[in-house]
């Protein structure tokens, strides 16, 4: 089953400094049919104005992956971590027993990013944070593993049996991905236009995948995409 969720059907909240679109129920947006997808709980498509951001706030028992599509985001947390993640790169935070953090766009241009929240395998784990560059050349024409809960060294570690992939595809290029039985997938094109098993997918659309052993992702134009593979 592949369900296309057009960008214009997502929940939306414009706070002035933050223009947020929600693939799943979040904050004041409530849609019973979109409470999550397997262990995937949140996928927010955020545009953050220059010199603004999220002041310190708490999280617990959630795996939070931030994929920056434009600009940069600066992070600081109660564990003493500080970092700046630029477009194309990824940061992860395992909230575990509890952590406070802030995220600011300290740049002179708008920042755009995906905030992806996945339920952890178990509650009460130790919190952690990390960031890593993922050169665009490495993602050209193929899926690259960005974050993983399976101990794969090339990826940022998360505390959930899930994987997060990224790819850059030129027009006509295609990649395939096979799902293990019972797994759920969710895909978003950060830019461009794709065909997923023949279904036309536009920029910032969501694609919910279930009971599909394999998908074929073909670029109709130059595209950037993020794919998650999560348990039920």
C-alpha atoms as a PDB file:
ATOM      1  CA  UNK A   1       0.000   0.000   0.000  1.00  0.00           C
ATOM      2  CA  UNK A   2       1.288   3.431  -0.973  1.00  0.00           C
ATOM      3  CA  UNK A   3      -0.654   6.491   0.182  1.00  0.00           C
ATOM      4  CA  UNK A   4       0.257   9.886  -1.307  1.00  0.00           C
ATOM      5  CA  UNK A   5      -0.181  12.850   1.022  1.00  0.00           C
ATOM      6  CA  UNK A   6      -0.021  16.065  -0.969  1.00  0.00           C
ATOM      7  CA  UNK A   7       1.758  18.992   0.663  1.00  0.00           C
ATOM      8  CA  UNK A   8      -1.375  21.159   0.504  1.00  0.00           C
ATOM      9  CA  UNK A   9      -3.279  18.604   2.648  1.00  0.00           C
ATOM     10  CA  UNK A  10      -0.823  18.766   5.557  1.00  0.00           C
ATOM     11  CA  UNK A  11      -1.529  20.550   8.811  1.00  0.00           C
ATOM     12  CA  UNK A  12      -0.131  24.077   8.837  1.00  0.00           C
ATOM     13  CA  UNK A  13       0.739  26.757  11.373  1.00  0.00           C
ATOM     14  CA  UNK A  14       2.277  30.123  10.472  1.00  0.00           C
ATOM     15  CA  UNK A  15       3.776  31.795  13.543  1.00  0.00           C
ATOM     16  CA  UNK A  16       5.516  34.551  11.602  1.00  0.00           C
ATOM     17  CA  UNK A  17       9.044  33.481  12.468  1.00  0.00           C
ATOM     18  CA  UNK A  18       8.098  29.815  11.905  1.00  0.00           C
ATOM     19  CA  UNK A  19       6.079  28.431   8.999  1.00  0.00           C
ATOM     20  CA  UNK A  20       5.411  24.783   9.895  1.00  0.00           C
ATOM     21  CA  UNK A  21       3.670  22.016   7.986  1.00  0.00           C
ATOM     22  CA  UNK A  22       2.822  18.795   9.821  1.00  0.00           C
ATOM     23  CA  UNK A  23       2.627  15.389   8.116  1.00  0.00           C
ATOM     24  CA  UNK A  24       1.126  14.003  11.362  1.00  0.00           C
ATOM     25  CA  UNK A  25      -0.952  15.397  14.226  1.00  0.00           C
ATOM     26  CA  UNK A  26       1.180  17.870  16.154  1.00  0.00           C
ATOM     27  CA  UNK A  27       0.551  20.789  18.545  1.00  0.00           C
ATOM     28  CA  UNK A  28      -2.748  22.431  17.505  1.00  0.00           C
ATOM     29  CA  UNK A  29      -3.115  20.258  14.400  1.00  0.00           C
ATOM     30  CA  UNK A  30      -5.142  17.140  15.171  1.00  0.00           C
ATOM     31  CA  UNK A  31      -6.108  14.603  12.538  1.00  0.00           C
ATOM     32  CA  UNK A  32      -7.132  11.170  13.905  1.00  0.00           C
ATOM     33  CA  UNK A  33      -6.157   9.468  10.635  1.00  0.00           C
ATOM     34  CA  UNK A  34      -2.650  10.900  10.874  1.00  0.00           C
ATOM     35  CA  UNK A  35      -1.442  10.146  14.392  1.00  0.00           C
ATOM     36  CA  UNK A  36       1.753   8.498  13.172  1.00  0.00           C
ATOM     37  CA  UNK A  37       2.978   5.778  10.850  1.00  0.00           C
ATOM     38  CA  UNK A  38       4.328   2.751  12.675  1.00  0.00           C
ATOM     39  CA  UNK A  39       6.960   4.053  15.111  1.00  0.00           C
ATOM     40  CA  UNK A  40       7.172   7.342  13.173  1.00  0.00           C
ATOM     41  CA  UNK A  41       5.347   9.939  15.248  1.00  0.00           C
ATOM     42  CA  UNK A  42       6.243  13.376  13.786  1.00  0.00           C
ATOM     43  CA  UNK A  43       7.456  14.756  10.472  1.00  0.00           C
ATOM     44  CA  UNK A  44       7.458  18.539  10.497  1.00  0.00           C
ATOM     45  CA  UNK A  45       8.467  20.606   7.461  1.00  0.00           C
ATOM     46  CA  UNK A  46       9.704  23.866   9.032  1.00  0.00           C
ATOM     47  CA  UNK A  47      10.784  27.207   7.579  1.00  0.00           C
ATOM     48  CA  UNK A  48      12.549  29.351  10.196  1.00  0.00           C
ATOM     49  CA  UNK A  49      13.130  33.063   9.653  1.00  0.00           C
ATOM     50  CA  UNK A  50      16.644  34.521  10.020  1.00  0.00           C
ATOM     51  CA  UNK A  51      17.857  35.221  13.585  1.00  0.00           C
ATOM     52  CA  UNK A  52      14.945  33.381  15.206  1.00  0.00           C
ATOM     53  CA  UNK A  53      14.313  29.904  16.542  1.00  0.00           C
ATOM     54  CA  UNK A  54      13.129  27.635  19.311  1.00  0.00           C
ATOM     55  CA  UNK A  55      14.147  28.744  22.844  1.00  0.00           C
ATOM     56  CA  UNK A  56      15.124  26.086  25.423  1.00  0.00           C
ATOM     57  CA  UNK A  57      12.426  23.460  25.849  1.00  0.00           C
ATOM     58  CA  UNK A  58      12.281  19.852  27.133  1.00  0.00           C
ATOM     59  CA  UNK A  59      11.919  16.462  25.455  1.00  0.00           C
ATOM     60  CA  UNK A  60      11.969  12.897  26.723  1.00  0.00           C
ATOM     61  CA  UNK A  61      11.675   9.375  25.290  1.00  0.00           C
ATOM     62  CA  UNK A  62      11.842  10.369  21.635  1.00  0.00           C
ATOM     63  CA  UNK A  63      14.409   9.999  18.838  1.00  0.00           C
ATOM     64  CA  UNK A  64      14.596  13.336  17.006  1.00  0.00           C
ATOM     65  CA  UNK A  65      16.323  13.539  13.627  1.00  0.00           C
ATOM     66  CA  UNK A  66      16.849  16.943  11.995  1.00  0.00           C
ATOM     67  CA  UNK A  67      17.575  17.056   8.258  1.00  0.00           C
ATOM     68  CA  UNK A  68      18.485  20.561   7.047  1.00  0.00           C
ATOM     69  CA  UNK A  69      17.450  21.364   3.474  1.00  0.00           C
ATOM     70  CA  UNK A  70      18.494  25.047   3.369  1.00  0.00           C
ATOM     71  CA  UNK A  71      20.575  27.325   5.605  1.00  0.00           C
ATOM     72  CA  UNK A  72      21.723  26.026   8.996  1.00  0.00           C
ATOM     73  CA  UNK A  73      20.465  25.293  12.509  1.00  0.00           C
ATOM     74  CA  UNK A  74      22.446  25.877  15.721  1.00  0.00           C
ATOM     75  CA  UNK A  75      21.847  23.541  18.652  1.00  0.00           C
ATOM     76  CA  UNK A  76      22.611  23.817  22.368  1.00  0.00           C
ATOM     77  CA  UNK A  77      21.430  21.426  25.089  1.00  0.00           C
ATOM     78  CA  UNK A  78      21.499  20.651  28.798  1.00  0.00           C
ATOM     79  CA  UNK A  79      24.102  17.906  28.209  1.00  0.00           C
ATOM     80  CA  UNK A  80      26.622  20.590  27.223  1.00  0.00           C
ATOM     81  CA  UNK A  81      26.496  19.935  23.481  1.00  0.00           C
ATOM     82  CA  UNK A  82      26.720  22.719  20.930  1.00  0.00           C
ATOM     83  CA  UNK A  83      26.718  22.403  17.165  1.00  0.00           C
ATOM     84  CA  UNK A  84      25.753  23.921  13.839  1.00  0.00           C
ATOM     85  CA  UNK A  85      24.238  21.706  11.153  1.00  0.00           C
ATOM     86  CA  UNK A  86      24.184  23.007   7.577  1.00  0.00           C
ATOM     87  CA  UNK A  87      22.037  22.146   4.546  1.00  0.00           C
ATOM     88  CA  UNK A  88      22.350  18.513   3.518  1.00  0.00           C
ATOM     89  CA  UNK A  89      23.669  17.412   6.907  1.00  0.00           C
ATOM     90  CA  UNK A  90      21.918  15.733   9.819  1.00  0.00           C
ATOM     91  CA  UNK A  91      21.740  15.941  13.611  1.00  0.00           C
ATOM     92  CA  UNK A  92      20.137  13.433  15.964  1.00  0.00           C
ATOM     93  CA  UNK A  93      19.036  13.701  19.583  1.00  0.00           C
ATOM     94  CA  UNK A  94      17.968  10.805  21.767  1.00  0.00           C
ATOM     95  CA  UNK A  95      15.859  12.515  24.430  1.00  0.00           C
ATOM     96  CA  UNK A  96      15.757   9.453  26.715  1.00  0.00           C
ATOM     97  CA  UNK A  97      15.291  10.294  30.391  1.00  0.00           C
ATOM     98  CA  UNK A  98      15.023  13.977  29.536  1.00  0.00           C
ATOM     99  CA  UNK A  99      16.939  16.828  27.922  1.00  0.00           C
ATOM    100  CA  UNK A 100      16.428  20.544  27.318  1.00  0.00           C
ATOM    101  CA  UNK A 101      17.660  22.099  24.105  1.00  0.00           C
ATOM    102  CA  UNK A 102      17.376  25.157  21.897  1.00  0.00           C
ATOM    103  CA  UNK A 103      17.530  25.396  18.110  1.00  0.00           C
ATOM    104  CA  UNK A 104      18.150  28.739  16.440  1.00  0.00           C
ATOM    105  CA  UNK A 105      18.610  29.954  12.907  1.00  0.00           C
ATOM    106  CA  UNK A 106      21.540  32.310  13.524  1.00  0.00           C
ATOM    107  CA  UNK A 107      22.008  32.915   9.799  1.00  0.00           C
ATOM    108  CA  UNK A 108      21.017  35.885   7.657  1.00  0.00           C
ATOM    109  CA  UNK A 109      18.850  33.664   5.446  1.00  0.00           C
ATOM    110  CA  UNK A 110      15.847  31.439   6.004  1.00  0.00           C
ATOM    111  CA  UNK A 111      16.502  27.919   7.268  1.00  0.00           C
ATOM    112  CA  UNK A 112      14.417  24.999   6.066  1.00  0.00           C
ATOM    113  CA  UNK A 113      14.473  21.589   7.699  1.00  0.00           C
ATOM    114  CA  UNK A 114      12.643  18.369   8.418  1.00  0.00           C
ATOM    115  CA  UNK A 115      12.094  17.421  12.066  1.00  0.00           C
ATOM    116  CA  UNK A 116      11.516  13.660  12.233  1.00  0.00           C
ATOM    117  CA  UNK A 117      10.489  12.040  15.537  1.00  0.00           C
ATOM    118  CA  UNK A 118      10.561   8.273  16.008  1.00  0.00           C
ATOM    119  CA  UNK A 119       9.497   6.394  19.135  1.00  0.00           C
ATOM    120  CA  UNK A 120      12.450   4.750  20.928  1.00  0.00           C
ATOM    121  CA  UNK A 121      12.733   1.005  21.420  1.00  0.00           C
ATOM    122  CA  UNK A 122      12.443   1.478  25.184  1.00  0.00           C
ATOM    123  CA  UNK A 123      11.773   4.355  27.557  1.00  0.00           C
ATOM    124  CA  UNK A 124      14.271   5.768  30.009  1.00  0.00           C
ATOM    125  CA  UNK A 125      17.475   5.418  27.983  1.00  0.00           C
ATOM    126  CA  UNK A 126      20.402   7.789  28.444  1.00  0.00           C
ATOM    127  CA  UNK A 127      20.043  10.972  26.366  1.00  0.00           C
ATOM    128  CA  UNK A 128      22.549  11.684  23.592  1.00  0.00           C
ATOM    129  CA  UNK A 129      23.185  14.075  20.693  1.00  0.00           C
ATOM    130  CA  UNK A 130      25.287  13.997  17.551  1.00  0.00           C
ATOM    131  CA  UNK A 131      25.764  15.587  14.139  1.00  0.00           C
ATOM    132  CA  UNK A 132      27.648  14.564  11.029  1.00  0.00           C
ATOM    133  CA  UNK A 133      28.276  15.948   7.537  1.00  0.00           C
ATOM    134  CA  UNK A 134      26.992  13.895   4.612  1.00  0.00           C
ATOM    135  CA  UNK A 135      28.652  15.197   1.415  1.00  0.00           C
ATOM    136  CA  UNK A 136      26.229  15.604  -1.460  1.00  0.00           C
ATOM    137  CA  UNK A 137      28.563  13.739  -3.805  1.00  0.00           C
ATOM    138  CA  UNK A 138      28.158  10.610  -1.671  1.00  0.00           C
ATOM    139  CA  UNK A 139      24.350  10.736  -2.046  1.00  0.00           C
ATOM    140  CA  UNK A 140      24.358  11.323  -5.797  1.00  0.00           C
ATOM    141  CA  UNK A 141      22.351   8.600  -7.502  1.00  0.00           C
ATOM    142  CA  UNK A 142      22.022   6.382  -4.441  1.00  0.00           C
ATOM    143  CA  UNK A 143      20.432   6.030  -1.029  1.00  0.00           C
ATOM    144  CA  UNK A 144      22.874   6.802   1.789  1.00  0.00           C
ATOM    145  CA  UNK A 145      22.225   5.746   5.378  1.00  0.00           C
ATOM    146  CA  UNK A 146      22.060   8.850   7.599  1.00  0.00           C
ATOM    147  CA  UNK A 147      20.837   7.513  10.949  1.00  0.00           C
ATOM    148  CA  UNK A 148      20.396   3.974  12.234  1.00  0.00           C
ATOM    149  CA  UNK A 149      19.445   2.047  15.340  1.00  0.00           C
ATOM    150  CA  UNK A 150      21.211  -1.091  14.118  1.00  0.00           C
ATOM    151  CA  UNK A 151      24.802  -0.125  14.978  1.00  0.00           C
ATOM    152  CA  UNK A 152      25.865   0.693  11.420  1.00  0.00           C
ATOM    153  CA  UNK A 153      29.017   2.771  11.777  1.00  0.00           C
ATOM    154  CA  UNK A 154      28.477   4.928   8.694  1.00  0.00           C
ATOM    155  CA  UNK A 155      25.313   6.423  10.227  1.00  0.00           C
ATOM    156  CA  UNK A 156      24.451   8.552  13.227  1.00  0.00           C
ATOM    157  CA  UNK A 157      23.210   6.318  16.068  1.00  0.00           C
ATOM    158  CA  UNK A 158      19.596   6.412  17.229  1.00  0.00           C
ATOM    159  CA  UNK A 159      17.907   4.323  19.931  1.00  0.00           C
ATOM    160  CA  UNK A 160      15.192   2.768  17.803  1.00  0.00           C
ATOM    161  CA  UNK A 161      15.267  -0.128  15.307  1.00  0.00           C
ATOM    162  CA  UNK A 162      14.837   2.316  12.417  1.00  0.00           C
ATOM    163  CA  UNK A 163      16.845   3.718   9.533  1.00  0.00           C
ATOM    164  CA  UNK A 164      16.881   7.139   7.844  1.00  0.00           C
ATOM    165  CA  UNK A 165      18.189   7.502   4.277  1.00  0.00           C
ATOM    166  CA  UNK A 166      18.882  10.398   1.936  1.00  0.00           C
ATOM    167  CA  UNK A 167      19.470  10.573  -1.806  1.00  0.00           C
ATOM    168  CA  UNK A 168      20.051  13.062  -4.620  1.00  0.00           C
ATOM    169  CA  UNK A 169      18.754  11.986  -8.024  1.00  0.00           C
ATOM    170  CA  UNK A 170      19.157  13.559 -11.442  1.00  0.00           C
ATOM    171  CA  UNK A 171      16.322  13.301 -13.998  1.00  0.00           C
ATOM    172  CA  UNK A 172      15.894   9.690 -15.071  1.00  0.00           C
ATOM    173  CA  UNK A 173      17.974   8.245 -12.231  1.00  0.00           C
ATOM    174  CA  UNK A 174      16.293   5.618 -10.052  1.00  0.00           C
ATOM    175  CA  UNK A 175      16.980   3.709  -6.845  1.00  0.00           C
ATOM    176  CA  UNK A 176      15.196   0.767  -5.261  1.00  0.00           C
ATOM    177  CA  UNK A 177      14.636  -0.088  -1.618  1.00  0.00           C
ATOM    178  CA  UNK A 178      13.423  -3.385  -0.129  1.00  0.00           C
ATOM    179  CA  UNK A 179      11.439  -3.481   3.112  1.00  0.00           C
ATOM    180  CA  UNK A 180      11.544  -6.381   5.537  1.00  0.00           C
ATOM    181  CA  UNK A 181       8.166  -7.902   6.362  1.00  0.00           C
ATOM    182  CA  UNK A 182       6.031  -5.787   8.682  1.00  0.00           C
ATOM    183  CA  UNK A 183       8.042  -2.593   8.240  1.00  0.00           C
ATOM    184  CA  UNK A 184       6.622   0.852   7.506  1.00  0.00           C
ATOM    185  CA  UNK A 185       8.178   3.483   5.255  1.00  0.00           C
ATOM    186  CA  UNK A 186       7.695   7.213   4.816  1.00  0.00           C
ATOM    187  CA  UNK A 187       9.285   9.305   2.070  1.00  0.00           C
ATOM    188  CA  UNK A 188       9.375  13.041   1.394  1.00  0.00           C
ATOM    189  CA  UNK A 189      10.936  14.857  -1.547  1.00  0.00           C
ATOM    190  CA  UNK A 190      12.684  17.924  -0.166  1.00  0.00           C
ATOM    191  CA  UNK A 191      12.771  19.265  -3.727  1.00  0.00           C
ATOM    192  CA  UNK A 192      12.073  18.039  -7.211  1.00  0.00           C
ATOM    193  CA  UNK A 193       9.564  15.534  -8.542  1.00  0.00           C
ATOM    194  CA  UNK A 194       9.590  11.751  -8.187  1.00  0.00           C
ATOM    195  CA  UNK A 195       7.723   8.624  -9.206  1.00  0.00           C
ATOM    196  CA  UNK A 196       7.409   6.023  -6.441  1.00  0.00           C
ATOM    197  CA  UNK A 197       6.235   2.720  -7.902  1.00  0.00           C
ATOM    198  CA  UNK A 198       4.725   4.822 -10.683  1.00  0.00           C
ATOM    199  CA  UNK A 199       2.948   7.315  -8.384  1.00  0.00           C
ATOM    200  CA  UNK A 200       3.761  10.972  -9.103  1.00  0.00           C
ATOM    201  CA  UNK A 201       5.218  12.734  -6.040  1.00  0.00           C
ATOM    202  CA  UNK A 202       5.844  16.476  -5.875  1.00  0.00           C
ATOM    203  CA  UNK A 203       8.172  18.530  -3.717  1.00  0.00           C
ATOM    204  CA  UNK A 204       7.318  18.279   0.014  1.00  0.00           C
ATOM    205  CA  UNK A 205       4.605  15.656  -0.556  1.00  0.00           C
ATOM    206  CA  UNK A 206       4.568  12.698   1.827  1.00  0.00           C
ATOM    207  CA  UNK A 207       4.449   9.046   0.780  1.00  0.00           C
ATOM    208  CA  UNK A 208       3.260   6.511   3.382  1.00  0.00           C
ATOM    209  CA  UNK A 209       4.347   2.948   2.555  1.00  0.00           C
ATOM    210  CA  UNK A 210       3.143  -0.320   4.086  1.00  0.00           C
ATOM    211  CA  UNK A 211       3.046  -3.954   2.924  1.00  0.00           C
ATOM    212  CA  UNK A 212       5.344  -3.196  -0.001  1.00  0.00           C
ATOM    213  CA  UNK A 213       8.357  -5.484  -0.295  1.00  0.00           C
ATOM    214  CA  UNK A 214      10.163  -3.097  -2.627  1.00  0.00           C
ATOM    215  CA  UNK A 215       9.786   0.416  -3.965  1.00  0.00           C
ATOM    216  CA  UNK A 216      11.345   2.008  -7.022  1.00  0.00           C
ATOM    217  CA  UNK A 217      12.050   5.737  -6.760  1.00  0.00           C
ATOM    218  CA  UNK A 218      12.656   7.518 -10.066  1.00  0.00           C
ATOM    219  CA  UNK A 219      13.420  11.221 -10.490  1.00  0.00           C
ATOM    220  CA  UNK A 220      11.320  13.144 -13.013  1.00  0.00           C
ATOM    221  CA  UNK A 221      13.554  16.168 -12.332  1.00  0.00           C
ATOM    222  CA  UNK A 222      16.550  16.897 -10.111  1.00  0.00           C
ATOM    223  CA  UNK A 223      15.390  15.765  -6.673  1.00  0.00           C
ATOM    224  CA  UNK A 224      16.441  15.433  -3.036  1.00  0.00           C
ATOM    225  CA  UNK A 225      14.632  12.934  -0.838  1.00  0.00           C
ATOM    226  CA  UNK A 226      14.525  11.506   2.671  1.00  0.00           C
ATOM    227  CA  UNK A 227      13.211   7.992   3.420  1.00  0.00           C
ATOM    228  CA  UNK A 228      12.604   6.389   6.808  1.00  0.00           C
ATOM    229  CA  UNK A 229      12.134   2.677   7.538  1.00  0.00           C
ATOM    230  CA  UNK A 230      10.501   2.025  10.936  1.00  0.00           C
ATOM    231  CA  UNK A 231       8.905  -0.864  12.829  1.00  0.00           C
ATOM    232  CA  UNK A 232       5.149  -1.178  13.136  1.00  0.00           C
END
